[in-house]
Amino acid sequence: MEDFLDEEKRYYTIGEVAAMFDVNTSLIRFWEGEFDILKPKKNKKGNRLFTPKDVKNLKIIYHLVKERGFTLKGAKAKLKENHEDTAKISEVVDRLKMIKQALGEIRRELDSDLDQ
C-alpha cells in the first residue's frame, strides 16, 4: 500500500484515493461518515483532501471490510479495540502479498527459461 503513497505529496483527492483501492468514490465518502478516524480536509470548493495518514487508515478499513469480511460494526469495534495491532497485521498482509507476487514472477521466469 505504501507503494501508492508519494512521499512528497501532502494531500490526495478522493479520486486518487478511490483509484488506489479500486473502489468508487462513493464508498470512500460512505466510509468517511462511518469511521471517525477518517478526517479529510476540505478545500474552499468542498473537495476532500486526504492526508497520507487518512490513506493508511483507509487501507486498514479496506483490509478489515473487503479482505477479511468484517461488518462495518465489527471493523469499528476492531479498530477501537486495538488500532495499532490491526494496522500491523494489515501491513504484514501487504508485505506477504508483495512476496507472493515476486515469487510468482520468479516462477514465471524460471518456467520460461526451462521452456527455451
PDB file of N, CA and C in Angstrom:
ATOM      1  N   MET A   1       0.819  -1.200   0.000  1.00  0.00           N
ATOM      2  CA  MET A   1       0.000   0.000   0.000  1.00  0.00           C
ATOM      3  C   MET A   1       0.856   1.255   0.000  1.00  0.00           C
ATOM      4  N   GLU A   2       1.907   1.239   0.812  1.00  0.00           N
ATOM      5  CA  GLU A   2       2.759   2.420   0.865  1.00  0.00           C
ATOM      6  C   GLU A   2       3.363   2.722  -0.507  1.00  0.00           C
ATOM      7  N   ASP A   3       3.369   1.707  -1.404  1.00  0.00           N
ATOM      8  CA  ASP A   3       3.869   1.931  -2.753  1.00  0.00           C
ATOM      9  C   ASP A   3       3.055   3.014  -3.452  1.00  0.00           C
ATOM     10  N   PHE A   4       1.787   3.141  -3.082  1.00  0.00           N
ATOM     11  CA  PHE A   4       0.911   4.129  -3.705  1.00  0.00           C
ATOM     12  C   PHE A   4       1.231   5.539  -3.237  1.00  0.00           C
ATOM     13  N   LEU A   5       1.764   5.642  -2.050  1.00  0.00           N
ATOM     14  CA  LEU A   5       1.961   6.948  -1.452  1.00  0.00           C
ATOM     15  C   LEU A   5       3.239   7.607  -1.952  1.00  0.00           C
ATOM     16  N   ASP A   6       3.091   8.835  -2.354  1.00  0.00           N
ATOM     17  CA  ASP A   6       4.216   9.646  -2.809  1.00  0.00           C
ATOM     18  C   ASP A   6       4.715  10.428  -1.598  1.00  0.00           C
ATOM     19  N   GLU A   7       5.959  10.209  -1.217  1.00  0.00           N
ATOM     20  CA  GLU A   7       6.492  10.859  -0.011  1.00  0.00           C
ATOM     21  C   GLU A   7       6.442  12.374  -0.094  1.00  0.00           C
ATOM     22  N   GLU A   8       6.447  12.914  -1.294  1.00  0.00           N
ATOM     23  CA  GLU A   8       6.427  14.363  -1.483  1.00  0.00           C
ATOM     24  C   GLU A   8       5.015  14.943  -1.366  1.00  0.00           C
ATOM     25  N   LYS A   9       4.021  14.106  -1.566  1.00  0.00           N
ATOM     26  CA  LYS A   9       2.645  14.579  -1.655  1.00  0.00           C
ATOM     27  C   LYS A   9       2.006  14.676  -0.276  1.00  0.00           C
ATOM     28  N   ARG A  10       1.380  15.814  -0.008  1.00  0.00           N
ATOM     29  CA  ARG A  10       0.741  16.023   1.301  1.00  0.00           C
ATOM     30  C   ARG A  10      -0.732  15.662   1.297  1.00  0.00           C
ATOM     31  N   TYR A  11      -1.391  15.763   0.137  1.00  0.00           N
ATOM     32  CA  TYR A  11      -2.821  15.500   0.050  1.00  0.00           C
ATOM     33  C   TYR A  11      -3.151  14.721  -1.218  1.00  0.00           C
ATOM     34  N   TYR A  12      -4.187  13.903  -1.114  1.00  0.00           N
ATOM     35  CA  TYR A  12      -4.685  13.132  -2.243  1.00  0.00           C
ATOM     36  C   TYR A  12      -6.165  13.447  -2.424  1.00  0.00           C
ATOM     37  N   THR A  13      -6.598  13.540  -3.673  1.00  0.00           N
ATOM     38  CA  THR A  13      -8.010  13.774  -3.941  1.00  0.00           C
ATOM     39  C   THR A  13      -8.778  12.479  -3.706  1.00  0.00           C
ATOM     40  N   ILE A  14     -10.081  12.581  -3.605  1.00  0.00           N
ATOM     41  CA  ILE A  14     -10.893  11.389  -3.394  1.00  0.00           C
ATOM     42  C   ILE A  14     -10.785  10.451  -4.593  1.00  0.00           C
ATOM     43  N   GLY A  15     -10.630  11.010  -5.783  1.00  0.00           N
ATOM     44  CA  GLY A  15     -10.468  10.179  -6.975  1.00  0.00           C
ATOM     45  C   GLY A  15      -9.173   9.378  -6.928  1.00  0.00           C
ATOM     46  N   GLU A  16      -8.103  10.009  -6.491  1.00  0.00           N
ATOM     47  CA  GLU A  16      -6.820   9.308  -6.367  1.00  0.00           C
ATOM     48  C   GLU A  16      -6.911   8.194  -5.323  1.00  0.00           C
ATOM     49  N   VAL A  17      -7.573   8.489  -4.216  1.00  0.00           N
ATOM     50  CA  VAL A  17      -7.706   7.502  -3.146  1.00  0.00           C
ATOM     51  C   VAL A  17      -8.571   6.331  -3.618  1.00  0.00           C
ATOM     52  N   ALA A  18      -9.665   6.629  -4.283  1.00  0.00           N
ATOM     53  CA  ALA A  18     -10.538   5.566  -4.790  1.00  0.00           C
ATOM     54  C   ALA A  18      -9.785   4.674  -5.772  1.00  0.00           C
ATOM     55  N   ALA A  19      -8.951   5.273  -6.609  1.00  0.00           N
ATOM     56  CA  ALA A  19      -8.164   4.501  -7.584  1.00  0.00           C
ATOM     57  C   ALA A  19      -7.155   3.600  -6.879  1.00  0.00           C
ATOM     58  N   MET A  20      -6.584   4.073  -5.770  1.00  0.00           N
ATOM     59  CA  MET A  20      -5.618   3.260  -5.021  1.00  0.00           C
ATOM     60  C   MET A  20      -6.234   1.943  -4.569  1.00  0.00           C
ATOM     61  N   PHE A  21      -7.507   2.008  -4.180  1.00  0.00           N
ATOM     62  CA  PHE A  21      -8.188   0.830  -3.638  1.00  0.00           C
ATOM     63  C   PHE A  21      -9.110   0.163  -4.652  1.00  0.00           C
ATOM     64  N   ASP A  22      -9.168   0.733  -5.854  1.00  0.00           N
ATOM     65  CA  ASP A  22     -10.036   0.215  -6.915  1.00  0.00           C
ATOM     66  C   ASP A  22     -11.497   0.120  -6.436  1.00  0.00           C
ATOM     67  N   VAL A  23     -11.971   1.222  -5.845  1.00  0.00           N
ATOM     68  CA  VAL A  23     -13.358   1.314  -5.388  1.00  0.00           C
ATOM     69  C   VAL A  23     -13.946   2.626  -5.899  1.00  0.00           C
ATOM     70  N   ASN A  24     -15.249   2.761  -5.775  1.00  0.00           N
ATOM     71  CA  ASN A  24     -15.913   4.005  -6.165  1.00  0.00           C
ATOM     72  C   ASN A  24     -15.688   5.090  -5.117  1.00  0.00           C
ATOM     73  N   THR A  25     -15.710   6.336  -5.570  1.00  0.00           N
ATOM     74  CA  THR A  25     -15.559   7.453  -4.632  1.00  0.00           C
ATOM     75  C   THR A  25     -16.694   7.466  -3.614  1.00  0.00           C
ATOM     76  N   SER A  26     -17.865   6.956  -4.012  1.00  0.00           N
ATOM     77  CA  SER A  26     -18.994   6.936  -3.078  1.00  0.00           C
ATOM     78  C   SER A  26     -18.699   6.052  -1.869  1.00  0.00           C
ATOM     79  N   LEU A  27     -17.939   4.974  -2.067  1.00  0.00           N
ATOM     80  CA  LEU A  27     -17.585   4.113  -0.935  1.00  0.00           C
ATOM     81  C   LEU A  27     -16.639   4.850   0.014  1.00  0.00           C
ATOM     82  N   ILE A  28     -15.714   5.607  -0.544  1.00  0.00           N
ATOM     83  CA  ILE A  28     -14.792   6.381   0.297  1.00  0.00           C
ATOM     84  C   ILE A  28     -15.585   7.403   1.123  1.00  0.00           C
ATOM     85  N   ARG A  29     -16.530   8.093   0.486  1.00  0.00           N
ATOM     86  CA  ARG A  29     -17.364   9.072   1.210  1.00  0.00           C
ATOM     87  C   ARG A  29     -18.194   8.372   2.290  1.00  0.00           C
ATOM     88  N   PHE A  30     -18.725   7.191   1.960  1.00  0.00           N
ATOM     89  CA  PHE A  30     -19.517   6.437   2.925  1.00  0.00           C
ATOM     90  C   PHE A  30     -18.671   6.056   4.132  1.00  0.00           C
ATOM     91  N   TRP A  31     -17.484   5.518   3.879  1.00  0.00           N
ATOM     92  CA  TRP A  31     -16.608   5.136   4.983  1.00  0.00           C
ATOM     93  C   TRP A  31     -16.208   6.341   5.809  1.00  0.00           C
ATOM     94  N   GLU A  32     -16.043   7.482   5.179  1.00  0.00           N
ATOM     95  CA  GLU A  32     -15.708   8.707   5.915  1.00  0.00           C
ATOM     96  C   GLU A  32     -16.783   9.006   6.956  1.00  0.00           C
ATOM     97  N   GLY A  33     -18.029   8.801   6.580  1.00  0.00           N
ATOM     98  CA  GLY A  33     -19.132   9.030   7.512  1.00  0.00           C
ATOM     99  C   GLY A  33     -19.240   7.975   8.595  1.00  0.00           C
ATOM    100  N   GLU A  34     -18.776   6.780   8.300  1.00  0.00           N
ATOM    101  CA  GLU A  34     -18.893   5.657   9.233  1.00  0.00           C
ATOM    102  C   GLU A  34     -17.738   5.554  10.233  1.00  0.00           C
ATOM    103  N   PHE A  35     -16.541   5.944   9.810  1.00  0.00           N
ATOM    104  CA  PHE A  35     -15.349   5.759  10.640  1.00  0.00           C
ATOM    105  C   PHE A  35     -14.786   7.105  11.050  1.00  0.00           C
ATOM    106  N   ASP A  36     -14.777   7.359  12.356  1.00  0.00           N
ATOM    107  CA  ASP A  36     -14.322   8.666  12.843  1.00  0.00           C
ATOM    108  C   ASP A  36     -12.811   8.869  12.735  1.00  0.00           C
ATOM    109  N   ILE A  37     -12.063   7.827  12.380  1.00  0.00           N
ATOM    110  CA  ILE A  37     -10.620   8.008  12.197  1.00  0.00           C
ATOM    111  C   ILE A  37     -10.303   8.661  10.848  1.00  0.00           C
ATOM    112  N   LEU A  38     -11.294   8.750   9.975  1.00  0.00           N
ATOM    113  CA  LEU A  38     -11.102   9.403   8.679  1.00  0.00           C
ATOM    114  C   LEU A  38     -11.543  10.852   8.790  1.00  0.00           C
ATOM    115  N   LYS A  39     -10.602  11.748   8.615  1.00  0.00           N
ATOM    116  CA  LYS A  39     -10.906  13.172   8.735  1.00  0.00           C
ATOM    117  C   LYS A  39     -10.217  13.946   7.607  1.00  0.00           C
ATOM    118  N   PRO A  40     -10.692  13.751   6.368  1.00  0.00           N
ATOM    119  CA  PRO A  40     -10.046  14.505   5.284  1.00  0.00           C
ATOM    120  C   PRO A  40     -10.320  16.000   5.423  1.00  0.00           C
ATOM    121  N   LYS A  41      -9.363  16.775   4.976  1.00  0.00           N
ATOM    122  CA  LYS A  41      -9.555  18.230   4.932  1.00  0.00           C
ATOM    123  C   LYS A  41     -10.471  18.523   3.755  1.00  0.00           C
ATOM    124  N   LYS A  42     -11.070  19.694   3.771  1.00  0.00           N
ATOM    125  CA  LYS A  42     -11.871  20.123   2.618  1.00  0.00           C
ATOM    126  C   LYS A  42     -11.380  21.491   2.189  1.00  0.00           C
ATOM    127  N   ASN A  43     -11.229  21.658   0.872  1.00  0.00           N
ATOM    128  CA  ASN A  43     -10.800  22.961   0.379  1.00  0.00           C
ATOM    129  C   ASN A  43     -12.010  23.889   0.267  1.00  0.00           C
ATOM    130  N   LYS A  44     -11.800  25.082  -0.239  1.00  0.00           N
ATOM    131  CA  LYS A  44     -12.887  26.070  -0.323  1.00  0.00           C
ATOM    132  C   LYS A  44     -14.044  25.589  -1.178  1.00  0.00           C
ATOM    133  N   LYS A  45     -13.755  24.750  -2.154  1.00  0.00           N
ATOM    134  CA  LYS A  45     -14.810  24.207  -3.027  1.00  0.00           C
ATOM    135  C   LYS A  45     -15.542  23.037  -2.369  1.00  0.00           C
ATOM    136  N   GLY A  46     -15.012  22.550  -1.257  1.00  0.00           N
ATOM    137  CA  GLY A  46     -15.630  21.417  -0.573  1.00  0.00           C
ATOM    138  C   GLY A  46     -15.055  20.074  -0.996  1.00  0.00           C
ATOM    139  N   ASN A  47     -14.009  20.092  -1.827  1.00  0.00           N
ATOM    140  CA  ASN A  47     -13.374  18.839  -2.242  1.00  0.00           C
ATOM    141  C   ASN A  47     -12.579  18.244  -1.088  1.00  0.00           C
ATOM    142  N   ARG A  48     -12.690  16.936  -0.946  1.00  0.00           N
ATOM    143  CA  ARG A  48     -11.960  16.246   0.115  1.00  0.00           C
ATOM    144  C   ARG A  48     -10.492  16.110  -0.263  1.00  0.00           C
ATOM    145  N   LEU A  49      -9.637  16.340   0.729  1.00  0.00           N
ATOM    146  CA  LEU A  49      -8.196  16.174   0.552  1.00  0.00           C
ATOM    147  C   LEU A  49      -7.698  15.245   1.648  1.00  0.00           C
ATOM    148  N   PHE A  50      -7.253  14.065   1.252  1.00  0.00           N
ATOM    149  CA  PHE A  50      -6.840  13.038   2.197  1.00  0.00           C
ATOM    150  C   PHE A  50      -5.335  13.096   2.436  1.00  0.00           C
ATOM    151  N   THR A  51      -4.937  13.050   3.694  1.00  0.00           N
ATOM    152  CA  THR A  51      -3.526  13.025   4.051  1.00  0.00           C
ATOM    153  C   THR A  51      -3.017  11.581   3.935  1.00  0.00           C
ATOM    154  N   PRO A  52      -1.700  11.397   3.919  1.00  0.00           N
ATOM    155  CA  PRO A  52      -1.172  10.026   3.932  1.00  0.00           C
ATOM    156  C   PRO A  52      -1.693   9.216   5.132  1.00  0.00           C
ATOM    157  N   LYS A  53      -1.890   9.873   6.269  1.00  0.00           N
ATOM    158  CA  LYS A  53      -2.444   9.174   7.440  1.00  0.00           C
ATOM    159  C   LYS A  53      -3.866   8.688   7.158  1.00  0.00           C
ATOM    160  N   ASP A  54      -4.677   9.533   6.493  1.00  0.00           N
ATOM    161  CA  ASP A  54      -6.032   9.123   6.110  1.00  0.00           C
ATOM    162  C   ASP A  54      -5.974   7.902   5.201  1.00  0.00           C
ATOM    163  N   VAL A  55      -5.040   7.922   4.247  1.00  0.00           N
ATOM    164  CA  VAL A  55      -4.913   6.812   3.298  1.00  0.00           C
ATOM    165  C   VAL A  55      -4.526   5.528   4.038  1.00  0.00           C
ATOM    166  N   LYS A  56      -3.628   5.636   5.007  1.00  0.00           N
ATOM    167  CA  LYS A  56      -3.238   4.461   5.787  1.00  0.00           C
ATOM    168  C   LYS A  56      -4.433   3.931   6.594  1.00  0.00           C
ATOM    169  N   ASN A  57      -5.223   4.835   7.149  1.00  0.00           N
ATOM    170  CA  ASN A  57      -6.419   4.402   7.882  1.00  0.00           C
ATOM    171  C   ASN A  57      -7.433   3.753   6.939  1.00  0.00           C
ATOM    172  N   LEU A  58      -7.563   4.301   5.740  1.00  0.00           N
ATOM    173  CA  LEU A  58      -8.455   3.687   4.752  1.00  0.00           C
ATOM    174  C   LEU A  58      -7.961   2.297   4.382  1.00  0.00           C
ATOM    175  N   LYS A  59      -6.651   2.128   4.317  1.00  0.00           N
ATOM    176  CA  LYS A  59      -6.073   0.822   3.998  1.00  0.00           C
ATOM    177  C   LYS A  59      -6.471  -0.197   5.058  1.00  0.00           C
ATOM    178  N   ILE A  60      -6.438   0.222   6.305  1.00  0.00           N
ATOM    179  CA  ILE A  60      -6.817  -0.680   7.401  1.00  0.00           C
ATOM    180  C   ILE A  60      -8.304  -1.025   7.296  1.00  0.00           C
ATOM    181  N   ILE A  61      -9.123  -0.027   7.048  1.00  0.00           N
ATOM    182  CA  ILE A  61     -10.567  -0.262   6.896  1.00  0.00           C
ATOM    183  C   ILE A  61     -10.820  -1.196   5.719  1.00  0.00           C
ATOM    184  N   TYR A  62     -10.150  -0.933   4.597  1.00  0.00           N
ATOM    185  CA  TYR A  62     -10.305  -1.780   3.408  1.00  0.00           C
ATOM    186  C   TYR A  62      -9.926  -3.222   3.749  1.00  0.00           C
ATOM    187  N   HIS A  63      -8.805  -3.392   4.436  1.00  0.00           N
ATOM    188  CA  HIS A  63      -8.343  -4.731   4.816  1.00  0.00           C
ATOM    189  C   HIS A  63      -9.391  -5.449   5.659  1.00  0.00           C
ATOM    190  N   LEU A  64      -9.920  -4.758   6.654  1.00  0.00           N
ATOM    191  CA  LEU A  64     -10.905  -5.392   7.533  1.00  0.00           C
ATOM    192  C   LEU A  64     -12.203  -5.723   6.807  1.00  0.00           C
ATOM    193  N   VAL A  65     -12.713  -4.768   6.047  1.00  0.00           N
ATOM    194  CA  VAL A  65     -14.041  -4.932   5.437  1.00  0.00           C
ATOM    195  C   VAL A  65     -13.991  -5.765   4.153  1.00  0.00           C
ATOM    196  N   LYS A  66     -13.089  -5.423   3.260  1.00  0.00           N
ATOM    197  CA  LYS A  66     -13.069  -6.069   1.946  1.00  0.00           C
ATOM    198  C   LYS A  66     -12.276  -7.368   1.909  1.00  0.00           C
ATOM    199  N   GLU A  67     -11.161  -7.415   2.638  1.00  0.00           N
ATOM    200  CA  GLU A  67     -10.311  -8.598   2.573  1.00  0.00           C
ATOM    201  C   GLU A  67     -10.639  -9.630   3.651  1.00  0.00           C
ATOM    202  N   ARG A  68     -10.990  -9.163   4.825  1.00  0.00           N
ATOM    203  CA  ARG A  68     -11.274 -10.105   5.922  1.00  0.00           C
ATOM    204  C   ARG A  68     -12.759 -10.313   6.161  1.00  0.00           C
ATOM    205  N   GLY A  69     -13.607  -9.528   5.490  1.00  0.00           N
ATOM    206  CA  GLY A  69     -15.049  -9.751   5.564  1.00  0.00           C
ATOM    207  C   GLY A  69     -15.737  -9.255   6.824  1.00  0.00           C
ATOM    208  N   PHE A  70     -15.137  -8.317   7.526  1.00  0.00           N
ATOM    209  CA  PHE A  70     -15.760  -7.754   8.721  1.00  0.00           C
ATOM    210  C   PHE A  70     -16.987  -6.935   8.313  1.00  0.00           C
ATOM    211  N   THR A  71     -17.986  -6.911   9.181  1.00  0.00           N
ATOM    212  CA  THR A  71     -19.084  -5.962   9.005  1.00  0.00           C
ATOM    213  C   THR A  71     -18.546  -4.590   9.415  1.00  0.00           C
ATOM    214  N   LEU A  72     -19.276  -3.530   9.070  1.00  0.00           N
ATOM    215  CA  LEU A  72     -18.840  -2.198   9.489  1.00  0.00           C
ATOM    216  C   LEU A  72     -18.773  -2.115  11.007  1.00  0.00           C
ATOM    217  N   LYS A  73     -19.781  -2.683  11.659  1.00  0.00           N
ATOM    218  CA  LYS A  73     -19.809  -2.670  13.126  1.00  0.00           C
ATOM    219  C   LYS A  73     -18.599  -3.423  13.681  1.00  0.00           C
ATOM    220  N   GLY A  74     -18.290  -4.568  13.102  1.00  0.00           N
ATOM    221  CA  GLY A  74     -17.140  -5.363  13.542  1.00  0.00           C
ATOM    222  C   GLY A  74     -15.820  -4.647  13.296  1.00  0.00           C
ATOM    223  N   ALA A  75     -15.708  -3.982  12.145  1.00  0.00           N
ATOM    224  CA  ALA A  75     -14.484  -3.243  11.818  1.00  0.00           C
ATOM    225  C   ALA A  75     -14.290  -2.085  12.790  1.00  0.00           C
ATOM    226  N   LYS A  76     -15.378  -1.387  13.108  1.00  0.00           N
ATOM    227  CA  LYS A  76     -15.285  -0.278  14.068  1.00  0.00           C
ATOM    228  C   LYS A  76     -14.822  -0.784  15.430  1.00  0.00           C
ATOM    229  N   ALA A  77     -15.398  -1.914  15.852  1.00  0.00           N
ATOM    230  CA  ALA A  77     -15.040  -2.488  17.153  1.00  0.00           C
ATOM    231  C   ALA A  77     -13.566  -2.917  17.155  1.00  0.00           C
ATOM    232  N   LYS A  78     -13.120  -3.526  16.071  1.00  0.00           N
ATOM    233  CA  LYS A  78     -11.728  -3.980  15.977  1.00  0.00           C
ATOM    234  C   LYS A  78     -10.772  -2.793  16.033  1.00  0.00           C
ATOM    235  N   LEU A  79     -11.109  -1.708  15.341  1.00  0.00           N
ATOM    236  CA  LEU A  79     -10.262  -0.516  15.364  1.00  0.00           C
ATOM    237  C   LEU A  79     -10.222   0.111  16.750  1.00  0.00           C
ATOM    238  N   LYS A  80     -11.370   0.132  17.427  1.00  0.00           N
ATOM    239  CA  LYS A  80     -11.414   0.697  18.784  1.00  0.00           C
ATOM    240  C   LYS A  80     -10.630  -0.182  19.752  1.00  0.00           C
ATOM    241  N   GLU A  81     -10.788  -1.486  19.589  1.00  0.00           N
ATOM    242  CA  GLU A  81     -10.167  -2.467  20.482  1.00  0.00           C
ATOM    243  C   GLU A  81      -8.643  -2.377  20.432  1.00  0.00           C
ATOM    244  N   ASN A  82      -8.093  -2.354  19.214  1.00  0.00           N
ATOM    245  CA  ASN A  82      -6.640  -2.343  19.121  1.00  0.00           C
ATOM    246  C   ASN A  82      -6.198  -1.870  17.744  1.00  0.00           C
ATOM    247  N   HIS A  83      -6.181  -0.581  17.563  1.00  0.00           N
ATOM    248  CA  HIS A  83      -5.859   0.030  16.266  1.00  0.00           C
ATOM    249  C   HIS A  83      -4.446  -0.318  15.819  1.00  0.00           C
ATOM    250  N   GLU A  84      -3.474  -0.263  16.740  1.00  0.00           N
ATOM    251  CA  GLU A  84      -2.075  -0.498  16.364  1.00  0.00           C
ATOM    252  C   GLU A  84      -1.834  -1.918  15.862  1.00  0.00           C
ATOM    253  N   ASP A  85      -2.368  -2.916  16.575  1.00  0.00           N
ATOM    254  CA  ASP A  85      -2.190  -4.300  16.137  1.00  0.00           C
ATOM    255  C   ASP A  85      -2.881  -4.543  14.802  1.00  0.00           C
ATOM    256  N   THR A  86      -4.057  -3.964  14.642  1.00  0.00           N
ATOM    257  CA  THR A  86      -4.785  -4.115  13.389  1.00  0.00           C
ATOM    258  C   THR A  86      -3.986  -3.514  12.242  1.00  0.00           C
ATOM    259  N   ALA A  87      -3.369  -2.361  12.467  1.00  0.00           N
ATOM    260  CA  ALA A  87      -2.540  -1.720  11.444  1.00  0.00           C
ATOM    261  C   ALA A  87      -1.327  -2.583  11.112  1.00  0.00           C
ATOM    262  N   LYS A  88      -0.696  -3.156  12.131  1.00  0.00           N
ATOM    263  CA  LYS A  88       0.473  -4.009  11.899  1.00  0.00           C
ATOM    264  C   LYS A  88       0.105  -5.251  11.099  1.00  0.00           C
ATOM    265  N   ILE A  89      -1.023  -5.858  11.433  1.00  0.00           N
ATOM    266  CA  ILE A  89      -1.469  -7.049  10.705  1.00  0.00           C
ATOM    267  C   ILE A  89      -1.736  -6.696   9.245  1.00  0.00           C
ATOM    268  N   SER A  90      -2.348  -5.549   9.012  1.00  0.00           N
ATOM    269  CA  SER A  90      -2.624  -5.096   7.655  1.00  0.00           C
ATOM    270  C   SER A  90      -1.323  -4.917   6.872  1.00  0.00           C
ATOM    271  N   GLU A  91      -0.307  -4.353   7.508  1.00  0.00           N
ATOM    272  CA  GLU A  91       0.995  -4.169   6.859  1.00  0.00           C
ATOM    273  C   GLU A  91       1.648  -5.508   6.536  1.00  0.00           C
ATOM    274  N   VAL A  92       1.547  -6.457   7.450  1.00  0.00           N
ATOM    275  CA  VAL A  92       2.123  -7.785   7.216  1.00  0.00           C
ATOM    276  C   VAL A  92       1.434  -8.453   6.027  1.00  0.00           C
ATOM    277  N   VAL A  93       0.124  -8.348   5.971  1.00  0.00           N
ATOM    278  CA  VAL A  93      -0.617  -8.928   4.854  1.00  0.00           C
ATOM    279  C   VAL A  93      -0.164  -8.304   3.538  1.00  0.00           C
ATOM    280  N   ASP A  94       0.036  -6.990   3.525  1.00  0.00           N
ATOM    281  CA  ASP A  94       0.528  -6.308   2.318  1.00  0.00           C
ATOM    282  C   ASP A  94       1.897  -6.852   1.904  1.00  0.00           C
ATOM    283  N   ARG A  95       2.779  -6.993   2.863  1.00  0.00           N
ATOM    284  CA  ARG A  95       4.125  -7.496   2.553  1.00  0.00           C
ATOM    285  C   ARG A  95       4.074  -8.917   2.020  1.00  0.00           C
ATOM    286  N   LEU A  96       3.225  -9.742   2.617  1.00  0.00           N
ATOM    287  CA  LEU A  96       3.088 -11.122   2.148  1.00  0.00           C
ATOM    288  C   LEU A  96       2.550 -11.168   0.715  1.00  0.00           C
ATOM    289  N   LYS A  97       1.620 -10.279   0.410  1.00  0.00           N
ATOM    290  CA  LYS A  97       1.099 -10.217  -0.963  1.00  0.00           C
ATOM    291  C   LYS A  97       2.205  -9.831  -1.943  1.00  0.00           C
ATOM    292  N   MET A  98       3.045  -8.884  -1.544  1.00  0.00           N
ATOM    293  CA  MET A  98       4.150  -8.461  -2.402  1.00  0.00           C
ATOM    294  C   MET A  98       5.144  -9.611  -2.598  1.00  0.00           C
ATOM    295  N   ILE A  99       5.426 -10.359  -1.535  1.00  0.00           N
ATOM    296  CA  ILE A  99       6.332 -11.506  -1.632  1.00  0.00           C
ATOM    297  C   ILE A  99       5.736 -12.557  -2.553  1.00  0.00           C
ATOM    298  N   LYS A 100       4.449 -12.818  -2.396  1.00  0.00           N
ATOM    299  CA  LYS A 100       3.776 -13.803  -3.253  1.00  0.00           C
ATOM    300  C   LYS A 100       3.865 -13.391  -4.719  1.00  0.00           C
ATOM    301  N   GLN A 101       3.642 -12.112  -4.979  1.00  0.00           N
ATOM    302  CA  GLN A 101       3.723 -11.607  -6.346  1.00  0.00           C
ATOM    303  C   GLN A 101       5.147 -11.764  -6.894  1.00  0.00           C
ATOM    304  N   ALA A 102       6.152 -11.428  -6.088  1.00  0.00           N
ATOM    305  CA  ALA A 102       7.551 -11.550  -6.517  1.00  0.00           C
ATOM    306  C   ALA A 102       7.903 -13.009  -6.782  1.00  0.00           C
ATOM    307  N   LEU A 103       7.448 -13.899  -5.925  1.00  0.00           N
ATOM    308  CA  LEU A 103       7.712 -15.323  -6.125  1.00  0.00           C
ATOM    309  C   LEU A 103       7.034 -15.828  -7.395  1.00  0.00           C
ATOM    310  N   GLY A 104       5.831 -15.334  -7.651  1.00  0.00           N
ATOM    311  CA  GLY A 104       5.132 -15.708  -8.888  1.00  0.00           C
ATOM    312  C   GLY A 104       5.907 -15.263 -10.122  1.00  0.00           C
ATOM    313  N   GLU A 105       6.473 -14.064 -10.066  1.00  0.00           N
ATOM    314  CA  GLU A 105       7.269 -13.556 -11.186  1.00  0.00           C
ATOM    315  C   GLU A 105       8.531 -14.391 -11.372  1.00  0.00           C
ATOM    316  N   ILE A 106       9.176 -14.756 -10.282  1.00  0.00           N
ATOM    317  CA  ILE A 106      10.371 -15.598 -10.358  1.00  0.00           C
ATOM    318  C   ILE A 106      10.016 -16.947 -10.967  1.00  0.00           C
ATOM    319  N   ARG A 107       8.902 -17.499 -10.525  1.00  0.00           N
ATOM    320  CA  ARG A 107       8.466 -18.801 -11.053  1.00  0.00           C
ATOM    321  C   ARG A 107       8.207 -18.718 -12.550  1.00  0.00           C
ATOM    322  N   ARG A 108       7.549 -17.660 -13.006  1.00  0.00           N
ATOM    323  CA  ARG A 108       7.281 -17.499 -14.436  1.00  0.00           C
ATOM    324  C   ARG A 108       8.588 -17.383 -15.215  1.00  0.00           C
ATOM    325  N   GLU A 109       9.550 -16.658 -14.667  1.00  0.00           N
ATOM    326  CA  GLU A 109      10.848 -16.527 -15.322  1.00  0.00           C
ATOM    327  C   GLU A 109      11.562 -17.872 -15.416  1.00  0.00           C
ATOM    328  N   LEU A 110      11.511 -18.640 -14.320  1.00  0.00           N
ATOM    329  CA  LEU A 110      12.152 -19.958 -14.336  1.00  0.00           C
ATOM    330  C   LEU A 110      11.452 -20.890 -15.321  1.00  0.00           C
ATOM    331  N   ASP A 111      10.125 -20.858 -15.328  1.00  0.00           N
ATOM    332  CA  ASP A 111       9.377 -21.697 -16.288  1.00  0.00           C
ATOM    333  C   ASP A 111       9.720 -21.302 -17.716  1.00  0.00           C
ATOM    334  N   SER A 112       9.849 -20.003 -17.964  1.00  0.00           N
ATOM    335  CA  SER A 112      10.179 -19.513 -19.294  1.00  0.00           C
ATOM    336  C   SER A 112      11.581 -19.956 -19.697  1.00  0.00           C
ATOM    337  N   ASP A 113      12.537 -19.947 -18.745  1.00  0.00           N
ATOM    338  CA  ASP A 113      13.895 -20.398 -19.019  1.00  0.00           C
ATOM    339  C   ASP A 113      13.930 -21.891 -19.331  1.00  0.00           C
ATOM    340  N   LEU A 114      13.097 -22.669 -18.637  1.00  0.00           N
ATOM    341  CA  LEU A 114      13.052 -24.112 -18.865  1.00  0.00           C
ATOM    342  C   LEU A 114      12.451 -24.446 -20.223  1.00  0.00           C
ATOM    343  N   ASP A 115      11.524 -23.620 -20.679  1.00  0.00           N
ATOM    344  CA  ASP A 115      10.878 -23.849 -21.973  1.00  0.00           C
ATOM    345  C   ASP A 115      11.808 -23.582 -23.135  1.00  0.00           C
ATOM    346  N   GLN A 116      12.857 -22.833 -22.904  1.00  0.00           N
ATOM    347  CA  GLN A 116      13.757 -22.461 -24.015  1.00  0.00           C
ATOM    348  C   GLN A 116      14.789 -23.497 -24.287  1.00  0.00           C
TER     349      GLN A 116
END
